Amino acid sequence: MTGWETSERVLDSGGVESRQRVLVADPVVEASEAGARILGVTYWRTIDRFTRGGVRATWSGGGGKLRLLGGATLLTFGPPQLSFDGGVIACRHEIRGGLLALRAGGAVTLAQRPHGEQHELSVTVEEYLPRLAAKTGAPRWTGALYIKGQSPFHAAVSRRYFELLVRSRAS
């Protein structure tokens, strides 16, 4: 893995966009519905592993939930939207709510795409409205819980996710 990058910005809407990515020599999933599903399943399992079961992902036909060990629902998601077209394999989940979301909105997209001679793996969060972030027009320090806690946690999970994808490909 090379090319680790993480970026984040606050949009005029107050939503947050973040993106983590790495480059790999070979694809880690095949260009199919199964490949897109593997991207999603591996990400949610990474959260379970990274938190040592403190945060668990549960899924049903209607979507998923990230729950704290005590049962509180941190985030809820819509069902996976799987795609594989033009070399881009993706699993996208709408963010529907939960304690960490100010309101429903945005999405998490897990993807693999060609990048020159390599392949890019990415985790992109778009238009997410975090409850812990600074409100629009408020000083940035008011979002310290998001800046110092939730945002670095998300980047660390993404990095671990990429490592697990690459390792599972090597197996």
N, C-alpha and C. Protein backbone atom coordinates (compact mmCIF):
# COMPACT_ATOMS: atom_id res chain seq x y z
N MET A 1 0.84 -1.18 0.00
CA MET A 1 0.00 0.00 0.00
C MET A 1 0.88 1.24 0.00
N THR A 2 0.51 2.18 -0.84
CA THR A 2 1.20 3.48 -0.89
C THR A 2 0.14 4.56 -1.03
N GLY A 3 0.58 5.79 -0.97
CA GLY A 3 -0.30 6.90 -1.28
C GLY A 3 -1.39 7.17 -0.26
N TRP A 4 -1.18 6.81 1.02
CA TRP A 4 -2.20 7.10 2.04
C TRP A 4 -2.48 8.59 2.06
N GLU A 5 -3.75 8.92 1.96
CA GLU A 5 -4.18 10.32 2.07
C GLU A 5 -5.47 10.36 2.85
N THR A 6 -5.63 11.41 3.61
CA THR A 6 -6.90 11.66 4.28
C THR A 6 -7.18 13.15 4.17
N SER A 7 -8.43 13.48 3.89
CA SER A 7 -8.81 14.88 3.79
C SER A 7 -10.22 15.04 4.33
N GLU A 8 -10.49 16.25 4.75
CA GLU A 8 -11.81 16.55 5.30
C GLU A 8 -12.10 18.02 5.09
N ARG A 9 -13.36 18.33 4.82
CA ARG A 9 -13.74 19.73 4.71
C ARG A 9 -15.19 19.89 5.15
N VAL A 10 -15.48 21.08 5.65
CA VAL A 10 -16.84 21.41 6.05
C VAL A 10 -17.48 22.17 4.90
N LEU A 11 -18.65 21.75 4.49
CA LEU A 11 -19.35 22.37 3.38
C LEU A 11 -20.18 23.56 3.87
N ASP A 12 -20.61 24.40 2.95
CA ASP A 12 -21.45 25.54 3.31
C ASP A 12 -22.74 25.10 4.00
N SER A 13 -23.20 23.91 3.67
CA SER A 13 -24.43 23.37 4.26
C SER A 13 -24.24 22.97 5.72
N GLY A 14 -22.97 22.93 6.17
CA GLY A 14 -22.66 22.45 7.52
C GLY A 14 -22.30 20.98 7.52
N GLY A 15 -22.53 20.31 6.40
CA GLY A 15 -22.17 18.91 6.27
C GLY A 15 -20.67 18.75 6.16
N VAL A 16 -20.22 17.53 6.40
CA VAL A 16 -18.79 17.22 6.34
C VAL A 16 -18.56 16.25 5.19
N GLU A 17 -17.48 16.49 4.47
CA GLU A 17 -17.00 15.54 3.48
C GLU A 17 -15.64 15.08 3.92
N SER A 18 -15.43 13.77 3.91
CA SER A 18 -14.10 13.26 4.22
C SER A 18 -13.77 12.15 3.24
N ARG A 19 -12.48 11.97 3.05
CA ARG A 19 -12.05 10.93 2.11
C ARG A 19 -10.70 10.39 2.57
N GLN A 20 -10.61 9.08 2.60
CA GLN A 20 -9.34 8.41 2.85
C GLN A 20 -9.09 7.51 1.65
N ARG A 21 -7.82 7.40 1.28
CA ARG A 21 -7.50 6.53 0.16
C ARG A 21 -6.09 6.01 0.24
N VAL A 22 -5.87 4.86 -0.42
CA VAL A 22 -4.54 4.28 -0.61
C VAL A 22 -4.48 3.75 -2.03
N LEU A 23 -3.26 3.50 -2.48
CA LEU A 23 -3.03 2.89 -3.78
C LEU A 23 -2.47 1.49 -3.58
N VAL A 24 -2.94 0.55 -4.39
CA VAL A 24 -2.45 -0.82 -4.34
C VAL A 24 -2.09 -1.26 -5.76
N ALA A 25 -1.17 -2.20 -5.84
CA ALA A 25 -0.69 -2.66 -7.15
C ALA A 25 -1.76 -3.44 -7.91
N ASP A 26 -2.51 -4.29 -7.20
CA ASP A 26 -3.49 -5.16 -7.84
C ASP A 26 -4.87 -4.93 -7.22
N PRO A 27 -5.92 -5.19 -7.98
CA PRO A 27 -7.26 -5.06 -7.41
C PRO A 27 -7.44 -6.01 -6.22
N VAL A 28 -8.20 -5.58 -5.22
CA VAL A 28 -8.44 -6.44 -4.05
C VAL A 28 -9.78 -7.15 -4.15
N VAL A 29 -10.69 -6.64 -4.99
CA VAL A 29 -11.96 -7.32 -5.23
C VAL A 29 -12.21 -7.37 -6.73
N GLU A 30 -13.02 -8.33 -7.14
CA GLU A 30 -13.36 -8.45 -8.56
C GLU A 30 -14.46 -7.45 -8.92
N ALA A 31 -14.55 -7.13 -10.21
CA ALA A 31 -15.56 -6.20 -10.71
C ALA A 31 -16.89 -6.94 -10.85
N SER A 32 -17.61 -7.04 -9.74
CA SER A 32 -18.89 -7.75 -9.72
C SER A 32 -19.70 -7.28 -8.52
N GLU A 33 -20.93 -7.72 -8.45
CA GLU A 33 -21.76 -7.41 -7.28
C GLU A 33 -21.12 -8.01 -6.03
N ALA A 34 -20.57 -9.21 -6.15
CA ALA A 34 -19.90 -9.85 -5.01
C ALA A 34 -18.71 -9.02 -4.55
N GLY A 35 -17.94 -8.48 -5.48
CA GLY A 35 -16.81 -7.63 -5.13
C GLY A 35 -17.25 -6.38 -4.39
N ALA A 36 -18.31 -5.75 -4.87
CA ALA A 36 -18.84 -4.55 -4.20
C ALA A 36 -19.33 -4.90 -2.79
N ARG A 37 -19.97 -6.04 -2.66
CA ARG A 37 -20.47 -6.47 -1.34
C ARG A 37 -19.30 -6.72 -0.38
N ILE A 38 -18.21 -7.30 -0.89
CA ILE A 38 -17.03 -7.55 -0.05
C ILE A 38 -16.48 -6.23 0.50
N LEU A 39 -16.46 -5.18 -0.33
CA LEU A 39 -16.00 -3.87 0.15
C LEU A 39 -16.82 -3.43 1.36
N GLY A 40 -18.13 -3.57 1.28
CA GLY A 40 -18.99 -3.17 2.39
C GLY A 40 -18.85 -4.04 3.61
N VAL A 41 -18.94 -5.34 3.43
CA VAL A 41 -18.87 -6.27 4.55
C VAL A 41 -17.53 -6.12 5.29
N THR A 42 -16.45 -5.98 4.55
CA THR A 42 -15.14 -5.84 5.18
C THR A 42 -15.05 -4.56 6.00
N TYR A 43 -15.65 -3.47 5.50
CA TYR A 43 -15.61 -2.21 6.24
C TYR A 43 -16.32 -2.34 7.58
N TRP A 44 -17.52 -2.89 7.57
CA TRP A 44 -18.29 -2.99 8.82
C TRP A 44 -17.64 -3.96 9.79
N ARG A 45 -17.03 -5.02 9.28
CA ARG A 45 -16.29 -5.94 10.15
C ARG A 45 -15.05 -5.27 10.74
N THR A 46 -14.45 -4.37 9.97
CA THR A 46 -13.28 -3.64 10.47
C THR A 46 -13.65 -2.82 11.70
N ILE A 47 -14.81 -2.20 11.70
CA ILE A 47 -15.24 -1.41 12.86
C ILE A 47 -15.36 -2.31 14.08
N ASP A 48 -16.00 -3.48 13.91
CA ASP A 48 -16.11 -4.44 15.02
C ASP A 48 -14.72 -4.79 15.56
N ARG A 49 -13.80 -5.14 14.66
CA ARG A 49 -12.45 -5.55 15.07
C ARG A 49 -11.68 -4.40 15.70
N PHE A 50 -11.74 -3.23 15.05
CA PHE A 50 -10.97 -2.08 15.52
C PHE A 50 -11.38 -1.67 16.94
N THR A 51 -12.67 -1.78 17.23
CA THR A 51 -13.17 -1.38 18.56
C THR A 51 -13.22 -2.56 19.52
N ARG A 52 -12.74 -3.72 19.06
CA ARG A 52 -12.76 -4.95 19.87
C ARG A 52 -14.17 -5.26 20.37
N GLY A 53 -15.14 -5.03 19.49
CA GLY A 53 -16.53 -5.33 19.81
C GLY A 53 -17.25 -4.22 20.54
N GLY A 54 -16.58 -3.12 20.84
CA GLY A 54 -17.22 -2.00 21.53
C GLY A 54 -18.28 -1.32 20.69
N VAL A 55 -18.07 -1.33 19.39
CA VAL A 55 -19.06 -0.82 18.43
C VAL A 55 -19.31 -1.96 17.46
N ARG A 56 -20.57 -2.31 17.29
CA ARG A 56 -20.93 -3.44 16.42
C ARG A 56 -21.86 -2.99 15.31
N ALA A 57 -21.62 -3.55 14.14
CA ALA A 57 -22.49 -3.31 13.00
C ALA A 57 -23.49 -4.46 12.91
N THR A 58 -24.76 -4.12 12.80
CA THR A 58 -25.80 -5.13 12.60
C THR A 58 -26.58 -4.76 11.34
N TRP A 59 -27.02 -5.79 10.61
CA TRP A 59 -27.67 -5.55 9.33
C TRP A 59 -28.96 -6.34 9.20
N SER A 60 -29.90 -5.76 8.50
CA SER A 60 -31.14 -6.45 8.11
C SER A 60 -31.41 -6.01 6.67
N GLY A 61 -32.50 -6.49 6.11
CA GLY A 61 -32.83 -6.13 4.74
C GLY A 61 -33.03 -4.64 4.54
N GLY A 62 -33.44 -3.93 5.59
CA GLY A 62 -33.71 -2.49 5.48
C GLY A 62 -32.52 -1.60 5.71
N GLY A 63 -31.38 -2.16 6.12
CA GLY A 63 -30.21 -1.33 6.35
C GLY A 63 -29.41 -1.81 7.54
N GLY A 64 -28.58 -0.92 8.05
CA GLY A 64 -27.68 -1.30 9.13
C GLY A 64 -27.63 -0.29 10.25
N LYS A 65 -27.04 -0.72 11.35
CA LYS A 65 -26.87 0.13 12.53
C LYS A 65 -25.49 -0.09 13.10
N LEU A 66 -24.88 0.98 13.54
CA LEU A 66 -23.68 0.88 14.36
C LEU A 66 -24.13 1.13 15.79
N ARG A 67 -23.93 0.11 16.63
CA ARG A 67 -24.39 0.20 18.02
C ARG A 67 -23.21 0.14 18.98
N LEU A 68 -23.30 0.96 20.00
CA LEU A 68 -22.35 0.91 21.09
C LEU A 68 -22.64 -0.34 21.89
N LEU A 69 -21.63 -0.89 22.54
CA LEU A 69 -21.78 -2.12 23.30
C LEU A 69 -23.01 -2.10 24.20
N GLY A 70 -23.30 -0.96 24.80
CA GLY A 70 -24.46 -0.84 25.69
C GLY A 70 -25.79 -0.79 24.96
N GLY A 71 -25.79 -0.75 23.64
CA GLY A 71 -27.02 -0.78 22.87
C GLY A 71 -27.41 0.51 22.19
N ALA A 72 -26.78 1.65 22.52
CA ALA A 72 -27.12 2.92 21.89
C ALA A 72 -26.77 2.85 20.40
N THR A 73 -27.68 3.35 19.56
CA THR A 73 -27.46 3.36 18.12
C THR A 73 -26.70 4.62 17.73
N LEU A 74 -25.45 4.45 17.33
CA LEU A 74 -24.61 5.59 16.95
C LEU A 74 -24.97 6.13 15.58
N LEU A 75 -25.14 5.25 14.60
CA LEU A 75 -25.50 5.64 13.24
C LEU A 75 -26.39 4.57 12.62
N THR A 76 -27.31 4.99 11.77
CA THR A 76 -28.12 4.05 10.99
C THR A 76 -27.88 4.32 9.51
N PHE A 77 -27.96 3.26 8.72
CA PHE A 77 -27.65 3.33 7.29
C PHE A 77 -28.72 2.63 6.48
N GLY A 78 -28.88 3.07 5.24
CA GLY A 78 -29.74 2.39 4.30
C GLY A 78 -29.06 1.13 3.79
N PRO A 79 -29.81 0.31 3.04
CA PRO A 79 -29.22 -0.91 2.48
C PRO A 79 -28.11 -0.57 1.49
N PRO A 80 -27.21 -1.52 1.24
CA PRO A 80 -26.10 -1.25 0.33
C PRO A 80 -26.60 -1.01 -1.10
N GLN A 81 -26.01 -0.01 -1.73
CA GLN A 81 -26.23 0.24 -3.16
C GLN A 81 -24.93 -0.20 -3.83
N LEU A 82 -24.99 -1.33 -4.50
CA LEU A 82 -23.79 -1.95 -5.08
C LEU A 82 -23.67 -1.58 -6.55
N SER A 83 -22.46 -1.25 -6.98
CA SER A 83 -22.24 -0.94 -8.39
C SER A 83 -20.86 -1.42 -8.82
N PHE A 84 -20.75 -1.71 -10.10
CA PHE A 84 -19.48 -2.12 -10.69
C PHE A 84 -19.57 -1.79 -12.17
N ASP A 85 -19.01 -0.63 -12.52
CA ASP A 85 -19.11 -0.15 -13.89
C ASP A 85 -17.84 0.61 -14.25
N GLY A 86 -17.32 0.37 -15.43
CA GLY A 86 -16.15 1.10 -15.90
C GLY A 86 -14.92 0.93 -15.02
N GLY A 87 -14.80 -0.21 -14.37
CA GLY A 87 -13.65 -0.46 -13.51
C GLY A 87 -13.84 0.04 -12.08
N VAL A 88 -14.93 0.78 -11.82
CA VAL A 88 -15.20 1.28 -10.47
C VAL A 88 -16.16 0.32 -9.78
N ILE A 89 -15.72 -0.22 -8.65
CA ILE A 89 -16.54 -1.13 -7.85
C ILE A 89 -16.86 -0.37 -6.57
N ALA A 90 -18.15 -0.29 -6.20
CA ALA A 90 -18.52 0.53 -5.04
C ALA A 90 -19.67 -0.06 -4.26
N CYS A 91 -19.65 0.23 -2.97
CA CYS A 91 -20.73 -0.09 -2.05
C CYS A 91 -21.05 1.21 -1.32
N ARG A 92 -22.27 1.69 -1.49
CA ARG A 92 -22.68 2.98 -0.93
C ARG A 92 -23.83 2.77 0.05
N HIS A 93 -23.78 3.47 1.18
CA HIS A 93 -24.84 3.42 2.18
C HIS A 93 -25.27 4.84 2.51
N GLU A 94 -26.57 5.12 2.41
CA GLU A 94 -27.09 6.40 2.88
C GLU A 94 -27.02 6.44 4.39
N ILE A 95 -26.73 7.60 4.94
CA ILE A 95 -26.74 7.80 6.39
C ILE A 95 -28.15 8.25 6.76
N ARG A 96 -28.82 7.49 7.60
CA ARG A 96 -30.22 7.77 7.93
C ARG A 96 -30.44 8.39 9.31
N GLY A 97 -29.41 8.39 10.16
CA GLY A 97 -29.58 9.00 11.47
C GLY A 97 -28.72 8.33 12.51
N GLY A 98 -29.14 8.45 13.78
CA GLY A 98 -28.41 7.90 14.92
C GLY A 98 -27.89 9.02 15.82
N LEU A 99 -27.36 8.65 16.96
CA LEU A 99 -26.88 9.63 17.94
C LEU A 99 -25.78 10.53 17.41
N LEU A 100 -24.93 10.03 16.53
CA LEU A 100 -23.81 10.82 16.02
C LEU A 100 -24.18 11.68 14.81
N ALA A 101 -25.41 11.57 14.33
CA ALA A 101 -25.85 12.36 13.18
C ALA A 101 -26.85 13.41 13.65
N LEU A 102 -26.64 14.63 13.22
CA LEU A 102 -27.57 15.70 13.56
C LEU A 102 -28.94 15.41 12.95
N ARG A 103 -28.92 14.89 11.74
CA ARG A 103 -30.14 14.44 11.05
C ARG A 103 -29.73 13.53 9.89
N ALA A 104 -30.69 12.90 9.29
CA ALA A 104 -30.41 12.03 8.14
C ALA A 104 -29.79 12.87 7.02
N GLY A 105 -28.89 12.25 6.29
CA GLY A 105 -28.29 12.93 5.15
C GLY A 105 -26.88 12.44 4.92
N GLY A 106 -26.51 12.41 3.69
CA GLY A 106 -25.16 12.01 3.32
C GLY A 106 -25.07 10.52 3.08
N ALA A 107 -23.84 10.09 2.82
CA ALA A 107 -23.61 8.68 2.50
C ALA A 107 -22.15 8.33 2.76
N VAL A 108 -21.93 7.03 2.92
CA VAL A 108 -20.59 6.45 3.01
C VAL A 108 -20.41 5.58 1.77
N THR A 109 -19.34 5.81 1.02
CA THR A 109 -19.06 5.01 -0.18
C THR A 109 -17.69 4.37 -0.04
N LEU A 110 -17.66 3.07 -0.23
CA LEU A 110 -16.44 2.26 -0.19
C LEU A 110 -16.17 1.85 -1.62
N ALA A 111 -14.98 2.15 -2.15
CA ALA A 111 -14.77 1.93 -3.58
C ALA A 111 -13.36 1.47 -3.91
N GLN A 112 -13.28 0.85 -5.08
CA GLN A 112 -12.02 0.49 -5.72
C GLN A 112 -12.12 0.99 -7.15
N ARG A 113 -11.08 1.68 -7.62
CA ARG A 113 -11.09 2.18 -9.00
C ARG A 113 -9.69 2.17 -9.57
N PRO A 114 -9.58 2.07 -10.90
CA PRO A 114 -8.26 2.15 -11.52
C PRO A 114 -7.64 3.53 -11.28
N HIS A 115 -6.34 3.55 -11.10
CA HIS A 115 -5.62 4.81 -10.91
C HIS A 115 -4.27 4.64 -11.60
N GLY A 116 -4.23 4.96 -12.88
CA GLY A 116 -3.01 4.73 -13.67
C GLY A 116 -2.72 3.24 -13.72
N GLU A 117 -1.50 2.87 -13.36
CA GLU A 117 -1.11 1.46 -13.33
C GLU A 117 -1.52 0.76 -12.03
N GLN A 118 -2.05 1.52 -11.09
CA GLN A 118 -2.43 0.97 -9.80
C GLN A 118 -3.95 1.00 -9.63
N HIS A 119 -4.38 0.71 -8.42
CA HIS A 119 -5.79 0.76 -8.07
C HIS A 119 -5.94 1.54 -6.79
N GLU A 120 -6.96 2.38 -6.75
CA GLU A 120 -7.21 3.19 -5.57
C GLU A 120 -8.34 2.57 -4.76
N LEU A 121 -8.11 2.43 -3.46
CA LEU A 121 -9.15 2.04 -2.51
C LEU A 121 -9.53 3.29 -1.75
N SER A 122 -10.82 3.53 -1.58
CA SER A 122 -11.22 4.76 -0.90
C SER A 122 -12.44 4.56 -0.02
N VAL A 123 -12.51 5.41 1.00
CA VAL A 123 -13.68 5.55 1.85
C VAL A 123 -14.06 7.02 1.76
N THR A 124 -15.24 7.30 1.26
CA THR A 124 -15.68 8.68 1.10
C THR A 124 -16.98 8.88 1.88
N VAL A 125 -17.01 9.92 2.69
CA VAL A 125 -18.22 10.31 3.40
C VAL A 125 -18.62 11.66 2.82
N GLU A 126 -19.86 11.74 2.35
CA GLU A 126 -20.31 12.99 1.74
C GLU A 126 -21.58 13.50 2.43
N GLU A 127 -21.61 14.80 2.64
CA GLU A 127 -22.78 15.49 3.21
C GLU A 127 -23.25 14.94 4.56
N TYR A 128 -22.33 14.41 5.34
CA TYR A 128 -22.65 13.90 6.68
C TYR A 128 -22.79 15.09 7.63
N LEU A 129 -23.83 15.08 8.44
CA LEU A 129 -24.06 16.15 9.40
C LEU A 129 -23.80 15.63 10.81
N PRO A 130 -22.54 15.68 11.27
CA PRO A 130 -22.21 15.12 12.58
C PRO A 130 -22.74 15.99 13.72
N ARG A 131 -23.32 15.36 14.71
CA ARG A 131 -23.83 16.07 15.89
C ARG A 131 -22.70 16.73 16.66
N LEU A 132 -21.51 16.11 16.65
CA LEU A 132 -20.39 16.60 17.44
C LEU A 132 -19.59 17.71 16.77
N ALA A 133 -19.87 18.03 15.51
CA ALA A 133 -19.11 19.06 14.79
C ALA A 133 -19.61 20.45 15.17
N ALA A 134 -18.79 21.46 14.85
CA ALA A 134 -19.19 22.84 15.07
C ALA A 134 -20.39 23.17 14.19
N LYS A 135 -21.32 23.91 14.71
CA LYS A 135 -22.49 24.33 13.93
C LYS A 135 -22.07 25.41 12.95
N THR A 136 -22.82 25.57 11.86
CA THR A 136 -22.53 26.57 10.85
C THR A 136 -22.47 27.95 11.50
N GLY A 137 -21.37 28.66 11.25
CA GLY A 137 -21.20 30.00 11.79
C GLY A 137 -20.59 30.05 13.18
N ALA A 138 -20.51 28.92 13.87
CA ALA A 138 -19.93 28.87 15.21
C ALA A 138 -18.42 28.74 15.10
N PRO A 139 -17.69 29.15 16.14
CA PRO A 139 -16.23 28.96 16.11
C PRO A 139 -15.89 27.47 15.96
N ARG A 140 -14.83 27.20 15.23
CA ARG A 140 -14.44 25.81 14.95
C ARG A 140 -14.19 25.01 16.24
N TRP A 141 -13.68 25.66 17.29
CA TRP A 141 -13.37 24.95 18.53
C TRP A 141 -14.61 24.32 19.15
N THR A 142 -15.82 24.81 18.80
CA THR A 142 -17.02 24.23 19.38
C THR A 142 -17.26 22.81 18.89
N GLY A 143 -16.56 22.41 17.86
CA GLY A 143 -16.67 21.05 17.35
C GLY A 143 -15.51 20.18 17.79
N ALA A 144 -14.90 20.50 18.92
CA ALA A 144 -13.70 19.79 19.37
C ALA A 144 -13.92 18.28 19.53
N LEU A 145 -15.09 17.85 19.97
CA LEU A 145 -15.33 16.41 20.12
C LEU A 145 -15.26 15.70 18.78
N TYR A 146 -15.75 16.34 17.73
CA TYR A 146 -15.67 15.74 16.40
C TYR A 146 -14.22 15.78 15.90
N ILE A 147 -13.58 16.94 16.02
CA ILE A 147 -12.22 17.14 15.51
C ILE A 147 -11.22 16.21 16.20
N LYS A 148 -11.33 16.06 17.50
CA LYS A 148 -10.36 15.28 18.28
C LYS A 148 -10.77 13.83 18.49
N GLY A 149 -12.02 13.50 18.26
CA GLY A 149 -12.48 12.14 18.53
C GLY A 149 -13.00 11.40 17.32
N GLN A 150 -14.17 11.82 16.84
CA GLN A 150 -14.84 11.07 15.78
C GLN A 150 -14.07 11.10 14.46
N SER A 151 -13.54 12.24 14.06
CA SER A 151 -12.83 12.34 12.79
C SER A 151 -11.56 11.48 12.75
N PRO A 152 -10.67 11.57 13.76
CA PRO A 152 -9.48 10.70 13.74
C PRO A 152 -9.84 9.22 13.85
N PHE A 153 -10.90 8.90 14.59
CA PHE A 153 -11.35 7.52 14.71
C PHE A 153 -11.72 6.99 13.32
N HIS A 154 -12.48 7.78 12.56
CA HIS A 154 -12.90 7.36 11.23
C HIS A 154 -11.68 7.14 10.32
N ALA A 155 -10.70 8.02 10.37
CA ALA A 155 -9.50 7.86 9.54
C ALA A 155 -8.73 6.61 9.94
N ALA A 156 -8.63 6.33 11.24
CA ALA A 156 -7.91 5.14 11.71
C ALA A 156 -8.63 3.86 11.28
N VAL A 157 -9.96 3.86 11.34
CA VAL A 157 -10.73 2.69 10.88
C VAL A 157 -10.50 2.49 9.38
N SER A 158 -10.51 3.58 8.62
CA SER A 158 -10.29 3.47 7.18
C SER A 158 -8.93 2.87 6.86
N ARG A 159 -7.91 3.32 7.57
CA ARG A 159 -6.56 2.78 7.34
C ARG A 159 -6.52 1.28 7.63
N ARG A 160 -7.13 0.87 8.73
CA ARG A 160 -7.19 -0.55 9.09
C ARG A 160 -7.98 -1.34 8.06
N TYR A 161 -9.07 -0.76 7.56
CA TYR A 161 -9.89 -1.37 6.52
C TYR A 161 -9.06 -1.67 5.28
N PHE A 162 -8.27 -0.69 4.83
CA PHE A 162 -7.43 -0.91 3.66
C PHE A 162 -6.44 -2.05 3.90
N GLU A 163 -5.85 -2.08 5.08
CA GLU A 163 -4.91 -3.15 5.42
C GLU A 163 -5.58 -4.52 5.36
N LEU A 164 -6.79 -4.60 5.90
CA LEU A 164 -7.52 -5.89 5.88
C LEU A 164 -7.88 -6.31 4.46
N LEU A 165 -8.29 -5.36 3.62
CA LEU A 165 -8.61 -5.69 2.22
C LEU A 165 -7.38 -6.25 1.51
N VAL A 166 -6.25 -5.59 1.69
CA VAL A 166 -5.02 -6.04 1.02
C VAL A 166 -4.59 -7.40 1.56
N ARG A 167 -4.66 -7.57 2.86
CA ARG A 167 -4.28 -8.84 3.47
C ARG A 167 -5.20 -9.97 3.01
N SER A 168 -6.50 -9.71 2.90
CA SER A 168 -7.43 -10.77 2.48
C SER A 168 -7.18 -11.15 1.02
N ARG A 169 -6.73 -10.23 0.22
CA ARG A 169 -6.40 -10.50 -1.18
C ARG A 169 -5.18 -11.39 -1.27
N ALA A 170 -4.23 -11.19 -0.37
CA ALA A 170 -2.99 -11.97 -0.38
C ALA A 170 -3.22 -13.40 0.09
N SER A 171 -4.31 -13.64 0.81
CA SER A 171 -4.58 -14.98 1.37
C SER A 171 -5.02 -15.95 0.31
